[in-house]
C-alpha cells in the first residue's frame, strides 16, 4: 500500500518534470524570437554552463527512475 502510493507520487513528479521541460524547450525552440541576421559565434572557454550540467544529471536520474519503474 505504502509502496504503491510512493510509486504513484514518483510518477506524478516525473510527469510534472517532463511536462515542464518539454514546455520550456518548446518555448525556446519553436516560439522563441529568432534573429534574422546570423551572428558570428563567440568563442567560449571555461567550464560548461550550469544548466547543461544540471540537465545532464536530471536526465540521467529520470531515465534511471523510469527504468526502475517499468522493470517490475
PDB file of N, CA and C in Angstrom:
ATOM      1  N   UNK A   1       0.826  -1.195   0.000  1.00  0.00           N
ATOM      2  CA  UNK A   1       0.000   0.000   0.000  1.00  0.00           C
ATOM      3  C   UNK A   1       0.869   1.258   0.000  1.00  0.00           C
ATOM      4  N   UNK A   2       1.811   1.301   0.911  1.00  0.00           N
ATOM      5  CA  UNK A   2       2.683   2.477   1.009  1.00  0.00           C
ATOM      6  C   UNK A   2       3.590   2.559  -0.215  1.00  0.00           C
ATOM      7  N   UNK A   3       4.067   1.396  -0.662  1.00  0.00           N
ATOM      8  CA  UNK A   3       4.956   1.377  -1.821  1.00  0.00           C
ATOM      9  C   UNK A   3       4.215   1.833  -3.079  1.00  0.00           C
ATOM     10  N   UNK A   4       2.968   1.403  -3.237  1.00  0.00           N
ATOM     11  CA  UNK A   4       2.183   1.826  -4.400  1.00  0.00           C
ATOM     12  C   UNK A   4       1.956   3.331  -4.386  1.00  0.00           C
ATOM     13  N   UNK A   5       1.643   3.864  -3.211  1.00  0.00           N
ATOM     14  CA  UNK A   5       1.437   5.308  -3.088  1.00  0.00           C
ATOM     15  C   UNK A   5       2.718   6.063  -3.403  1.00  0.00           C
ATOM     16  N   UNK A   6       3.831   5.535  -2.916  1.00  0.00           N
ATOM     17  CA  UNK A   6       5.130   6.169  -3.177  1.00  0.00           C
ATOM     18  C   UNK A   6       5.450   6.154  -4.666  1.00  0.00           C
ATOM     19  N   UNK A   7       5.184   5.016  -5.326  1.00  0.00           N
ATOM     20  CA  UNK A   7       5.451   4.933  -6.763  1.00  0.00           C
ATOM     21  C   UNK A   7       4.551   5.870  -7.555  1.00  0.00           C
ATOM     22  N   UNK A   8       3.287   6.005  -7.141  1.00  0.00           N
ATOM     23  CA  UNK A   8       2.386   6.951  -7.804  1.00  0.00           C
ATOM     24  C   UNK A   8       2.878   8.381  -7.636  1.00  0.00           C
ATOM     25  N   UNK A   9       3.365   8.705  -6.449  1.00  0.00           N
ATOM     26  CA  UNK A   9       3.908  10.037  -6.188  1.00  0.00           C
ATOM     27  C   UNK A   9       5.120  10.307  -7.076  1.00  0.00           C
ATOM     28  N   UNK A  10       6.008   9.325  -7.169  1.00  0.00           N
ATOM     29  CA  UNK A  10       7.197   9.483  -8.019  1.00  0.00           C
ATOM     30  C   UNK A  10       6.784   9.654  -9.482  1.00  0.00           C
ATOM     31  N   UNK A  11       5.800   8.878  -9.936  1.00  0.00           N
ATOM     32  CA  UNK A  11       5.331   9.001 -11.327  1.00  0.00           C
ATOM     33  C   UNK A  11       4.769  10.390 -11.594  1.00  0.00           C
ATOM     34  N   UNK A  12       3.991  10.913 -10.663  1.00  0.00           N
ATOM     35  CA  UNK A  12       3.410  12.243 -10.854  1.00  0.00           C
ATOM     36  C   UNK A  12       4.498  13.317 -10.875  1.00  0.00           C
ATOM     37  N   UNK A  13       5.488  13.167 -10.027  1.00  0.00           N
ATOM     38  CA  UNK A  13       6.602  14.122 -10.013  1.00  0.00           C
ATOM     39  C   UNK A  13       7.344  14.066 -11.341  1.00  0.00           C
ATOM     40  N   UNK A  14       7.595  12.848 -11.830  1.00  0.00           N
ATOM     41  CA  UNK A  14       8.283  12.700 -13.115  1.00  0.00           C
ATOM     42  C   UNK A  14       7.464  13.277 -14.261  1.00  0.00           C
ATOM     43  N   UNK A  15       6.157  13.050 -14.235  1.00  0.00           N
ATOM     44  CA  UNK A  15       5.298  13.628 -15.276  1.00  0.00           C
ATOM     45  C   UNK A  15       5.383  15.143 -15.268  1.00  0.00           C
ATOM     46  N   UNK A  16       5.366  15.742 -14.084  1.00  0.00           N
ATOM     47  CA  UNK A  16       5.459  17.192 -13.975  1.00  0.00           C
ATOM     48  C   UNK A  16       6.782  17.724 -14.487  1.00  0.00           C
ATOM     49  N   UNK A  17       7.871  17.032 -14.132  1.00  0.00           N
ATOM     50  CA  UNK A  17       9.199  17.461 -14.588  1.00  0.00           C
ATOM     51  C   UNK A  17       9.291  17.369 -16.106  1.00  0.00           C
ATOM     52  N   UNK A  18       8.853  16.248 -16.659  1.00  0.00           N
ATOM     53  CA  UNK A  18       8.913  16.073 -18.114  1.00  0.00           C
ATOM     54  C   UNK A  18       8.034  17.106 -18.817  1.00  0.00           C
ATOM     55  N   UNK A  19       6.842  17.367 -18.260  1.00  0.00           N
ATOM     56  CA  UNK A  19       5.932  18.349 -18.853  1.00  0.00           C
ATOM     57  C   UNK A  19       6.560  19.739 -18.856  1.00  0.00           C
ATOM     58  N   UNK A  20       7.175  20.122 -17.732  1.00  0.00           N
ATOM     59  CA  UNK A  20       7.784  21.450 -17.651  1.00  0.00           C
ATOM     60  C   UNK A  20       8.991  21.578 -18.572  1.00  0.00           C
ATOM     61  N   UNK A  21       9.810  20.536 -18.635  1.00  0.00           N
ATOM     62  CA  UNK A  21      10.983  20.590 -19.520  1.00  0.00           C
ATOM     63  C   UNK A  21      10.555  20.644 -20.987  1.00  0.00           C
ATOM     64  N   UNK A  22       9.530  19.879 -21.344  1.00  0.00           N
ATOM     65  CA  UNK A  22       9.035  19.906 -22.721  1.00  0.00           C
ATOM     66  C   UNK A  22       8.491  21.287 -23.067  1.00  0.00           C
ATOM     67  N   UNK A  23       7.731  21.881 -22.145  1.00  0.00           N
ATOM     68  CA  UNK A  23       7.185  23.218 -22.396  1.00  0.00           C
ATOM     69  C   UNK A  23       8.306  24.241 -22.530  1.00  0.00           C
ATOM     70  N   UNK A  24       9.333  24.124 -21.692  1.00  0.00           N
ATOM     71  CA  UNK A  24      10.461  25.060 -21.750  1.00  0.00           C
ATOM     72  C   UNK A  24      11.165  24.972 -23.095  1.00  0.00           C
ATOM     73  N   UNK A  25      11.497  23.753 -23.534  1.00  0.00           N
ATOM     74  CA  UNK A  25      12.210  23.609 -24.796  1.00  0.00           C
ATOM     75  C   UNK A  25      11.316  23.979 -25.981  1.00  0.00           C
ATOM     76  N   UNK A  26      10.015  23.736 -25.887  1.00  0.00           N
ATOM     77  CA  UNK A  26       9.099  24.152 -26.937  1.00  0.00           C
ATOM     78  C   UNK A  26       9.076  25.676 -27.051  1.00  0.00           C
ATOM     79  N   UNK A  27       8.999  26.348 -25.906  1.00  0.00           N
ATOM     80  CA  UNK A  27       9.002  27.822 -25.928  1.00  0.00           C
ATOM     81  C   UNK A  27      10.303  28.356 -26.496  1.00  0.00           C
ATOM     82  N   UNK A  28      11.413  27.757 -26.090  1.00  0.00           N
ATOM     83  CA  UNK A  28      12.707  28.258 -26.547  1.00  0.00           C
ATOM     84  C   UNK A  28      12.924  28.002 -28.043  1.00  0.00           C
ATOM     85  N   UNK A  29      12.573  26.808 -28.497  1.00  0.00           N
ATOM     86  CA  UNK A  29      12.905  26.427 -29.875  1.00  0.00           C
ATOM     87  C   UNK A  29      11.844  26.826 -30.890  1.00  0.00           C
ATOM     88  N   UNK A  30      10.582  26.716 -30.550  1.00  0.00           N
ATOM     89  CA  UNK A  30       9.521  26.976 -31.519  1.00  0.00           C
ATOM     90  C   UNK A  30       8.996  28.396 -31.397  1.00  0.00           C
ATOM     91  N   UNK A  31       8.709  28.820 -30.200  1.00  0.00           N
ATOM     92  CA  UNK A  31       8.092  30.127 -30.009  1.00  0.00           C
ATOM     93  C   UNK A  31       9.102  31.246 -29.757  1.00  0.00           C
ATOM     94  N   UNK A  32      10.371  30.890 -29.586  1.00  0.00           N
ATOM     95  CA  UNK A  32      11.388  31.890 -29.281  1.00  0.00           C
ATOM     96  C   UNK A  32      11.578  32.871 -30.418  1.00  0.00           C
ATOM     97  N   UNK A  33      12.038  34.055 -30.086  1.00  0.00           N
ATOM     98  CA  UNK A  33      12.299  35.072 -31.099  1.00  0.00           C
ATOM     99  C   UNK A  33      13.600  34.736 -31.818  1.00  0.00           C
ATOM    100  N   UNK A  34      13.482  34.461 -33.086  1.00  0.00           N
ATOM    101  CA  UNK A  34      14.658  34.155 -33.895  1.00  0.00           C
ATOM    102  C   UNK A  34      15.194  35.448 -34.498  1.00  0.00           C
ATOM    103  N   UNK A  35      16.486  35.619 -34.404  1.00  0.00           N
ATOM    104  CA  UNK A  35      17.094  36.790 -35.020  1.00  0.00           C
ATOM    105  C   UNK A  35      17.267  36.537 -36.511  1.00  0.00           C
ATOM    106  N   UNK A  36      16.961  37.548 -37.306  1.00  0.00           N
ATOM    107  CA  UNK A  36      17.004  37.367 -38.753  1.00  0.00           C
ATOM    108  C   UNK A  36      18.427  37.393 -39.288  1.00  0.00           C
ATOM    109  N   UNK A  37      19.311  38.121 -38.641  1.00  0.00           N
ATOM    110  CA  UNK A  37      20.686  38.203 -39.094  1.00  0.00           C
ATOM    111  C   UNK A  37      21.540  37.259 -38.258  1.00  0.00           C
ATOM    112  N   UNK A  38      22.178  36.280 -38.894  1.00  0.00           N
ATOM    113  CA  UNK A  38      23.015  35.367 -38.109  1.00  0.00           C
ATOM    114  C   UNK A  38      24.245  36.090 -37.570  1.00  0.00           C
ATOM    115  N   UNK A  39      24.535  35.855 -36.337  1.00  0.00           N
ATOM    116  CA  UNK A  39      25.700  36.468 -35.701  1.00  0.00           C
ATOM    117  C   UNK A  39      26.842  35.473 -35.654  1.00  0.00           C
ATOM    118  N   UNK A  40      28.039  36.006 -35.626  1.00  0.00           N
ATOM    119  CA  UNK A  40      29.208  35.160 -35.520  1.00  0.00           C
ATOM    120  C   UNK A  40      29.282  34.605 -34.109  1.00  0.00           C
ATOM    121  N   UNK A  41      29.549  33.320 -33.983  1.00  0.00           N
ATOM    122  CA  UNK A  41      29.622  32.704 -32.665  1.00  0.00           C
ATOM    123  C   UNK A  41      30.871  33.168 -31.934  1.00  0.00           C
ATOM    124  N   UNK A  42      30.690  33.442 -30.667  1.00  0.00           N
ATOM    125  CA  UNK A  42      31.825  33.826 -29.839  1.00  0.00           C
ATOM    126  C   UNK A  42      32.486  32.573 -29.285  1.00  0.00           C
ATOM    127  N   UNK A  43      33.787  32.639 -29.166  1.00  0.00           N
ATOM    128  CA  UNK A  43      34.490  31.506 -28.572  1.00  0.00           C
ATOM    129  C   UNK A  43      34.255  31.532 -27.074  1.00  0.00           C
ATOM    130  N   UNK A  44      33.849  30.390 -26.575  1.00  0.00           N
ATOM    131  CA  UNK A  44      33.589  30.295 -25.140  1.00  0.00           C
ATOM    132  C   UNK A  44      34.630  29.369 -24.524  1.00  0.00           C
ATOM    133  N   UNK A  45      35.150  29.784 -23.431  1.00  0.00           N
ATOM    134  CA  UNK A  45      36.115  28.957 -22.724  1.00  0.00           C
ATOM    135  C   UNK A  45      35.611  28.642 -21.331  1.00  0.00           C
ATOM    136  N   UNK A  46      36.341  27.827 -20.637  1.00  0.00           N
ATOM    137  CA  UNK A  46      35.966  27.524 -19.263  1.00  0.00           C
ATOM    138  C   UNK A  46      35.034  26.336 -19.165  1.00  0.00           C
ATOM    139  N   UNK A  47      34.375  26.255 -18.035  1.00  0.00           N
ATOM    140  CA  UNK A  47      33.507  25.113 -17.770  1.00  0.00           C
ATOM    141  C   UNK A  47      32.160  25.287 -18.471  1.00  0.00           C
ATOM    142  N   UNK A  48      31.433  24.178 -18.661  1.00  0.00           N
ATOM    143  CA  UNK A  48      30.114  24.288 -19.303  1.00  0.00           C
ATOM    144  C   UNK A  48      29.127  25.033 -18.422  1.00  0.00           C
ATOM    145  N   UNK A  49      28.084  25.534 -19.034  1.00  0.00           N
ATOM    146  CA  UNK A  49      27.083  26.272 -18.271  1.00  0.00           C
ATOM    147  C   UNK A  49      26.432  25.362 -17.253  1.00  0.00           C
ATOM    148  N   UNK A  50      25.988  25.943 -16.166  1.00  0.00           N
ATOM    149  CA  UNK A  50      25.400  25.178 -15.084  1.00  0.00           C
ATOM    150  C   UNK A  50      24.118  24.490 -15.530  1.00  0.00           C
ATOM    151  N   UNK A  51      23.372  25.097 -16.445  1.00  0.00           N
ATOM    152  CA  UNK A  51      22.135  24.482 -16.922  1.00  0.00           C
ATOM    153  C   UNK A  51      22.417  23.170 -17.637  1.00  0.00           C
ATOM    154  N   UNK A  52      23.487  23.122 -18.406  1.00  0.00           N
ATOM    155  CA  UNK A  52      23.861  21.903 -19.105  1.00  0.00           C
ATOM    156  C   UNK A  52      24.208  20.802 -18.114  1.00  0.00           C
ATOM    157  N   UNK A  53      24.956  21.145 -17.097  1.00  0.00           N
ATOM    158  CA  UNK A  53      25.354  20.166 -16.089  1.00  0.00           C
ATOM    159  C   UNK A  53      24.134  19.657 -15.335  1.00  0.00           C
ATOM    160  N   UNK A  54      23.234  20.566 -14.961  1.00  0.00           N
ATOM    161  CA  UNK A  54      22.033  20.174 -14.241  1.00  0.00           C
ATOM    162  C   UNK A  54      21.158  19.309 -15.132  1.00  0.00           C
ATOM    163  N   UNK A  55      20.993  19.695 -16.395  1.00  0.00           N
ATOM    164  CA  UNK A  55      20.156  18.924 -17.315  1.00  0.00           C
ATOM    165  C   UNK A  55      20.692  17.507 -17.477  1.00  0.00           C
ATOM    166  N   UNK A  56      21.999  17.348 -17.597  1.00  0.00           N
ATOM    167  CA  UNK A  56      22.576  16.011 -17.748  1.00  0.00           C
ATOM    168  C   UNK A  56      22.312  15.157 -16.521  1.00  0.00           C
ATOM    169  N   UNK A  57      22.490  15.725 -15.343  1.00  0.00           N
ATOM    170  CA  UNK A  57      22.286  14.943 -14.134  1.00  0.00           C
ATOM    171  C   UNK A  57      20.811  14.619 -13.931  1.00  0.00           C
ATOM    172  N   UNK A  58      19.923  15.579 -14.205  1.00  0.00           N
ATOM    173  CA  UNK A  58      18.490  15.339 -14.044  1.00  0.00           C
ATOM    174  C   UNK A  58      18.012  14.311 -15.056  1.00  0.00           C
ATOM    175  N   UNK A  59      18.476  14.415 -16.298  1.00  0.00           N
ATOM    176  CA  UNK A  59      18.022  13.460 -17.307  1.00  0.00           C
ATOM    177  C   UNK A  59      18.520  12.054 -16.984  1.00  0.00           C
ATOM    178  N   UNK A  60      19.745  11.936 -16.490  1.00  0.00           N
ATOM    179  CA  UNK A  60      20.247  10.616 -16.113  1.00  0.00           C
ATOM    180  C   UNK A  60      19.419  10.040 -14.966  1.00  0.00           C
ATOM    181  N   UNK A  61      19.081  10.863 -14.000  1.00  0.00           N
ATOM    182  CA  UNK A  61      18.263  10.412 -12.880  1.00  0.00           C
ATOM    183  C   UNK A  61      16.869  10.010 -13.345  1.00  0.00           C
ATOM    184  N   UNK A  62      16.275  10.802 -14.238  1.00  0.00           N
ATOM    185  CA  UNK A  62      14.947  10.483 -14.757  1.00  0.00           C
ATOM    186  C   UNK A  62      14.937   9.153 -15.502  1.00  0.00           C
ATOM    187  N   UNK A  63      15.915   8.946 -16.365  1.00  0.00           N
ATOM    188  CA  UNK A  63      15.964   7.698 -17.107  1.00  0.00           C
ATOM    189  C   UNK A  63      16.150   6.510 -16.175  1.00  0.00           C
ATOM    190  N   UNK A  64      16.949   6.684 -15.135  1.00  0.00           N
ATOM    191  CA  UNK A  64      17.168   5.609 -14.177  1.00  0.00           C
ATOM    192  C   UNK A  64      15.882   5.286 -13.425  1.00  0.00           C
ATOM    193  N   UNK A  65      15.152   6.315 -12.984  1.00  0.00           N
ATOM    194  CA  UNK A  65      13.912   6.092 -12.241  1.00  0.00           C
ATOM    195  C   UNK A  65      12.856   5.469 -13.143  1.00  0.00           C
ATOM    196  N   UNK A  66      12.750   5.954 -14.380  1.00  0.00           N
ATOM    197  CA  UNK A  66      11.792   5.365 -15.317  1.00  0.00           C
ATOM    198  C   UNK A  66      12.144   3.912 -15.592  1.00  0.00           C
ATOM    199  N   UNK A  67      13.417   3.624 -15.714  1.00  0.00           N
ATOM    200  CA  UNK A  67      13.857   2.249 -15.906  1.00  0.00           C
ATOM    201  C   UNK A  67      13.440   1.380 -14.728  1.00  0.00           C
ATOM    202  N   UNK A  68      13.627   1.887 -13.522  1.00  0.00           N
ATOM    203  CA  UNK A  68      13.236   1.120 -12.344  1.00  0.00           C
ATOM    204  C   UNK A  68      11.729   0.921 -12.252  1.00  0.00           C
ATOM    205  N   UNK A  69      10.966   1.949 -12.640  1.00  0.00           N
ATOM    206  CA  UNK A  69       9.512   1.846 -12.553  1.00  0.00           C
ATOM    207  C   UNK A  69       8.934   0.843 -13.540  1.00  0.00           C
ATOM    208  N   UNK A  70       9.498   0.762 -14.712  1.00  0.00           N
ATOM    209  CA  UNK A  70       8.930  -0.095 -15.737  1.00  0.00           C
ATOM    210  C   UNK A  70       9.574  -1.476 -15.816  1.00  0.00           C
ATOM    211  N   UNK A  71      10.504  -1.774 -14.934  1.00  0.00           N
ATOM    212  CA  UNK A  71      11.096  -3.116 -14.913  1.00  0.00           C
ATOM    213  C   UNK A  71      10.702  -3.830 -13.633  1.00  0.00           C
ATOM    214  N   UNK A  72       9.413  -3.870 -13.378  1.00  0.00           N
ATOM    215  CA  UNK A  72       8.921  -4.561 -12.179  1.00  0.00           C
ATOM    216  C   UNK A  72       8.946  -6.054 -12.391  1.00  0.00           C
TER     217      UNK A  72
END
